[in-house]
Protein backbone atom coordinates (compact mmCIF):
# COMPACT_ATOMS: atom_id res chain seq x y z
CA MET A 1 95.08 137.33 61.85
CA THR A 2 91.24 136.51 62.50
CA GLU A 3 89.76 138.11 65.10
CA TRP A 4 86.32 137.32 66.93
CA ASN A 5 84.14 138.15 69.22
CA ASP A 6 81.88 135.44 72.01
CA GLN A 7 80.65 133.72 75.09
CA ALA A 8 82.51 131.67 77.27
CA LEU A 9 82.29 129.68 80.11
CA VAL A 10 85.91 128.78 82.19
CA ILE A 11 86.39 125.43 82.16
CA ARG A 12 89.60 125.45 83.46
CA LYS A 13 93.09 127.38 84.09
CA GLY A 14 96.45 127.48 84.53
CA LEU A 15 99.45 129.95 84.98
CA PHE A 16 102.76 130.04 82.35
CA HIS A 17 105.25 131.94 82.86
CA GLU A 18 104.65 134.66 86.01
CA ALA A 19 101.53 136.76 84.97
CA ASP A 20 100.43 134.52 81.71
CA LEU A 21 97.36 132.41 82.22
CA TRP A 22 96.07 129.24 79.61
CA LEU A 23 92.10 128.59 79.33
CA LYS A 24 89.97 126.30 78.69
CA LEU A 25 86.95 127.58 77.02
CA LEU A 26 83.83 126.64 76.29
CA CYS A 27 82.39 128.68 73.93
CA ARG A 28 78.51 130.03 72.77
CA HIS A 29 79.09 129.19 69.09
CA ARG A 30 82.92 127.90 69.35
CA GLY A 31 82.74 125.28 71.25
CA ILE A 32 85.93 124.14 73.55
CA LEU A 33 88.96 125.74 72.88
CA THR A 34 92.07 126.48 74.38
CA ILE A 35 92.81 130.14 75.07
CA PHE A 36 96.07 131.90 75.86
CA ALA A 37 95.78 134.90 78.41
CA PHE A 38 98.92 136.98 77.76
CA GLY A 39 98.99 138.94 81.68
CA GLY A 40 96.19 137.70 83.09
CA ALA A 41 97.38 136.75 86.30
CA ARG A 42 98.09 140.26 86.41
CA SER A 43 95.77 142.41 84.37
CA LYS A 44 92.90 144.54 86.13
CA LYS A 45 92.42 146.55 83.12
CA ARG A 46 91.58 143.95 80.79
CA PHE A 47 90.35 141.16 82.23
CA CYS A 48 89.22 143.04 85.72
CA GLY A 49 90.05 139.39 87.71
CA CYS A 50 87.02 137.42 85.98
CA LEU A 51 89.00 134.46 84.76
CA ASP A 52 88.06 132.10 87.57
CA ILE A 53 86.57 128.66 87.18
CA PHE A 54 82.32 128.75 85.91
CA ASN A 55 82.52 132.40 85.23
CA SER A 56 80.86 133.24 82.15
CA LEU A 57 82.36 136.29 79.71
CA HIS A 58 81.92 138.04 76.88
CA CYS A 59 85.52 137.22 74.99
CA ARG A 60 87.56 138.91 72.33
CA VAL A 61 90.08 136.72 70.71
CA LYS A 62 92.98 137.29 68.12
CA SER A 63 94.51 134.56 66.41
CA SER A 64 98.63 134.68 66.74
CA ARG A 65 100.28 136.01 63.38
CA ASN A 66 101.36 132.48 62.31
CA GLY A 67 98.12 131.18 63.68
CA GLU A 68 99.40 127.92 65.81
CA PHE A 69 97.30 129.89 68.89
CA LEU A 70 94.47 131.71 70.05
CA ASN A 71 95.03 134.97 72.43
CA LEU A 72 92.45 136.25 74.42
CA GLN A 73 92.68 140.35 74.29
CA GLU A 74 90.18 141.58 76.29
CA ALA A 75 86.78 140.13 78.56
CA ALA A 76 84.26 141.28 80.56
CA LEU A 77 81.84 138.82 83.04
CA ILE A 78 78.35 138.60 82.21
CA ASP A 79 77.89 136.62 85.74
CA GLY A 80 79.39 133.82 87.89
CA PRO A 81 78.90 132.07 90.96
CA GLN A 82 77.55 134.34 93.90
CA ASN A 83 77.39 131.22 96.64
CA LEU A 84 78.53 128.28 94.96
CA ARG A 85 82.31 128.62 96.42
CA HIS A 86 80.93 128.74 99.78
CA SER A 87 79.32 125.39 99.85
CA TRP A 88 81.86 121.91 99.56
CA ASN A 89 78.89 119.93 97.91
CA ALA A 90 77.96 122.09 95.07
CA MET A 91 82.58 122.61 94.21
CA GLY A 92 82.54 119.08 94.41
CA LEU A 93 79.38 118.58 92.29
CA ALA A 94 80.68 121.53 89.79
CA ALA A 95 84.08 120.29 89.30
CA ASN A 96 82.78 116.84 88.90
CA CYS A 97 80.71 118.53 85.97
CA LEU A 98 83.30 120.49 84.26
CA ARG A 99 86.20 117.61 84.53
CA PHE A 100 82.88 115.71 82.24
CA VAL A 101 83.16 118.68 80.00
CA ASP A 102 86.45 118.94 79.69
CA ALA A 103 86.97 115.48 78.82
CA LEU A 104 85.07 115.99 75.84
CA GLU A 105 85.34 116.98 72.31
CA ILE A 106 82.58 119.60 72.52
CA GLY A 107 82.63 121.29 68.44
CA ALA A 108 80.84 124.38 67.18
CA ASP A 109 78.03 121.47 65.55
CA ASN A 110 76.53 121.20 69.41
CA ALA A 111 78.69 124.40 71.23
CA THR A 112 75.30 126.36 72.38
CA GLU A 113 73.06 123.66 73.49
CA CYS A 114 76.07 122.70 75.88
CA TYR A 115 76.37 126.14 76.79
CA ASP A 116 73.27 126.55 77.89
CA LEU A 117 73.08 123.65 79.84
CA LEU A 118 76.51 124.24 81.51
CA GLU A 119 75.65 127.12 82.35
CA ASP A 120 72.10 126.36 83.62
CA MET A 121 73.91 123.72 85.96
CA ARG A 122 75.88 125.84 87.25
CA ILE A 123 72.59 128.10 88.21
CA MET A 124 71.27 126.06 90.01
CA LEU A 125 74.20 124.80 92.09
CA ASP A 126 74.34 128.50 92.72
CA THR A 127 71.12 128.63 94.33
CA ARG A 128 69.80 126.11 94.93
CA ALA A 129 70.34 125.05 99.47
CA GLN A 130 71.60 121.29 98.41
CA THR A 131 71.60 119.26 96.01
CA PRO A 132 72.16 115.53 96.27
CA ALA A 133 75.12 113.86 94.28
CA VAL A 134 73.04 111.85 91.41
CA ALA A 135 72.64 115.50 90.00
CA ALA A 136 76.20 114.98 88.22
CA PHE A 137 75.10 112.07 87.18
CA PHE A 138 72.20 113.63 85.49
CA PHE A 139 74.34 117.01 83.89
CA ARG A 140 76.26 113.08 81.99
CA LEU A 141 72.64 112.23 80.74
CA ARG A 142 72.03 115.07 79.80
CA LEU A 143 75.37 116.32 77.92
CA ALA A 144 75.21 112.96 76.58
CA SER A 145 71.76 113.83 74.80
CA GLU A 146 72.79 117.22 73.62
CA MET A 147 75.44 115.48 71.88
CA GLY A 148 73.93 112.99 69.74
CA PHE A 149 73.67 110.29 71.94
CA ARG A 150 70.44 110.63 73.70
CA PRO A 151 69.35 106.60 74.69
CA GLU A 152 65.50 105.96 73.80
CA LEU A 153 63.64 105.45 76.99
CA LYS A 154 60.30 105.39 76.30
CA PHE A 155 59.64 102.59 73.68
CA CYS A 156 60.54 99.18 73.56
CA GLY A 157 63.45 98.14 71.45
CA ARG A 158 61.72 95.17 69.83
CA CYS A 159 58.30 95.68 69.83
CA GLY A 160 57.96 98.98 69.42
CA ARG A 161 55.21 100.07 72.31
CA LYS A 162 55.53 102.35 74.45
CA ILE A 163 56.59 101.68 78.25
CA GLY A 164 54.48 101.84 81.25
CA GLY A 165 56.40 99.48 83.45
CA ASP A 166 59.59 98.18 84.76
CA ALA A 167 61.43 97.02 81.99
CA ILE A 168 64.92 96.04 80.67
CA PHE A 169 67.56 99.48 79.75
CA ARG A 170 70.44 97.81 77.69
CA ALA A 171 73.32 100.21 78.55
CA ASP A 172 75.58 99.07 75.12
CA ASP A 173 72.37 99.94 72.53
CA GLY A 174 71.05 103.04 74.89
CA ARG A 175 66.80 101.08 74.49
CA MET A 176 64.68 100.25 76.77
CA PHE A 177 63.03 96.65 76.17
CA CYS A 178 59.78 95.94 77.78
CA LEU A 179 59.57 93.28 80.12
CA ASP A 180 57.76 90.57 78.43
CA CYS A 181 60.37 91.13 75.15
CA ALA A 182 63.02 91.16 77.56
CA ASP A 183 62.40 87.87 78.69
CA ARG A 184 62.17 86.01 75.87
CA SER A 185 65.54 86.83 74.90
CA ALA A 186 67.09 86.46 78.24
CA PHE A 187 68.56 90.78 78.16
CA SER A 188 68.13 90.00 82.24
CA SER A 189 71.39 87.89 82.06
CA GLN A 190 73.85 89.97 79.18
CA ARG A 191 76.41 92.10 81.05
CA HIS A 192 74.83 95.61 79.84
CA ALA A 193 71.86 95.06 80.37
CA MET A 194 70.00 96.18 83.44
CA ARG A 195 66.13 96.38 84.72
CA ILE A 196 65.32 99.60 85.87
CA PRO A 197 61.93 99.92 87.89
CA TRP A 198 58.93 102.52 86.53
CA SER A 199 59.61 104.96 88.45
CA SER A 200 63.14 105.74 87.77
CA LEU A 201 62.21 105.43 84.64
CA GLN A 202 60.15 108.42 84.26
CA ILE A 203 62.80 110.55 85.93
CA LEU A 204 65.45 109.03 83.45
CA GLN A 205 63.38 110.35 80.58
CA LEU A 206 62.63 113.79 82.02
CA VAL A 207 66.13 114.39 82.40
CA SER A 208 67.22 113.76 79.40
CA GLN A 209 65.01 115.76 77.75
CA LYS A 210 65.07 118.77 80.41
CA ASN A 211 67.35 121.41 81.94
CA PRO A 212 68.79 121.13 85.38
CA SER A 213 66.31 124.10 86.78
CA GLN A 214 63.70 121.13 85.90
CA TRP A 215 64.87 118.48 86.66
CA ASN A 216 63.30 116.85 90.36
CA PHE A 217 65.90 114.61 92.22
CA PRO A 218 64.95 111.14 93.87
CA ASP A 219 66.00 109.73 96.53
CA GLY A 220 67.17 106.04 98.06
CA GLU A 221 66.41 103.45 95.15
CA ASP A 222 65.39 105.40 92.52
CA ALA A 223 68.46 107.92 92.41
CA ARG A 224 71.11 104.52 92.62
CA TYR A 225 69.36 102.72 90.07
CA CYS A 226 69.35 106.25 87.64
CA ALA A 227 72.88 106.58 88.64
CA ARG A 228 73.76 102.63 87.66
CA ALA A 229 71.90 103.61 84.39
CA ILE A 230 74.02 106.61 83.54
CA ASP A 231 77.29 105.40 84.53
CA GLY A 232 76.79 102.61 82.09
CA PHE A 233 75.54 104.50 79.48
CA THR A 234 78.52 106.98 79.12
CA GLN A 235 81.07 104.65 79.74
CA TYR A 236 79.52 102.83 76.39
CA HIS A 237 79.07 105.03 74.47
CA LEU A 238 81.93 108.07 75.64
CA GLY A 239 84.32 106.06 76.49
CA LEU A 240 84.68 107.79 80.29
CA VAL A 241 84.92 106.86 83.63
CA TRP A 242 85.25 108.65 86.62
CA GLU A 243 88.23 107.39 88.64
CA ASN A 244 90.79 108.78 91.11
CA GLY A 245 88.82 112.18 90.77
CA PHE A 246 89.30 112.43 86.69
CA PHE A 247 87.38 111.48 84.05
CA ARG A 248 89.78 108.46 82.15
CA HIS A 249 89.01 106.74 78.30
CA VAL A 250 88.02 103.52 78.42
């Protein structure tokens, strides 16, 4: 049997038998794992009632004798939401972000960056008085970027010039094209192409590189343009679409 310690964020949990829990955890150094907490629904000594969704924990984990499953031996609370659970809006955004994380296969290679991003998102949702719905889309773009799917938003994908105005975004190859190149290639008529105003493009550039605590949220048209571009990009490259409260693979 092997035993290890790690920090982890609780993504999902469920009850099996009368007192046992299964947990989906994003571990800081190991990625997403399913771990069983025997007695987790009742034990106050080993888990101290800390196994709630979106809590960050220090965990001691041991594999079973046959290596078929992981057993949570002990957990201590590092941090958790203070205000989040009192806001329906914030809880809805948190659930959307957690389900997006759950739908991805986050491994050890980019676990630390994804863990830090989700932790920063939790803190932002927990401390901000109001968070617009576009924050969930921003989170998808930022997480996709950390997993190696960052789109090229600064330079034209054809001529290579730095973009300084409205542009055409191709969701299928994750690149921007200046309007001159787009007109010559008729990109605007293609299925995965959309025109992005310069103000919206600047927001997307910032979001793809900065964590939630550094985001500025747009209003009106810019929010809609950003959400549409991100939705098309994540559908094409990650194969995920939001449908009936869950992310479905397409």
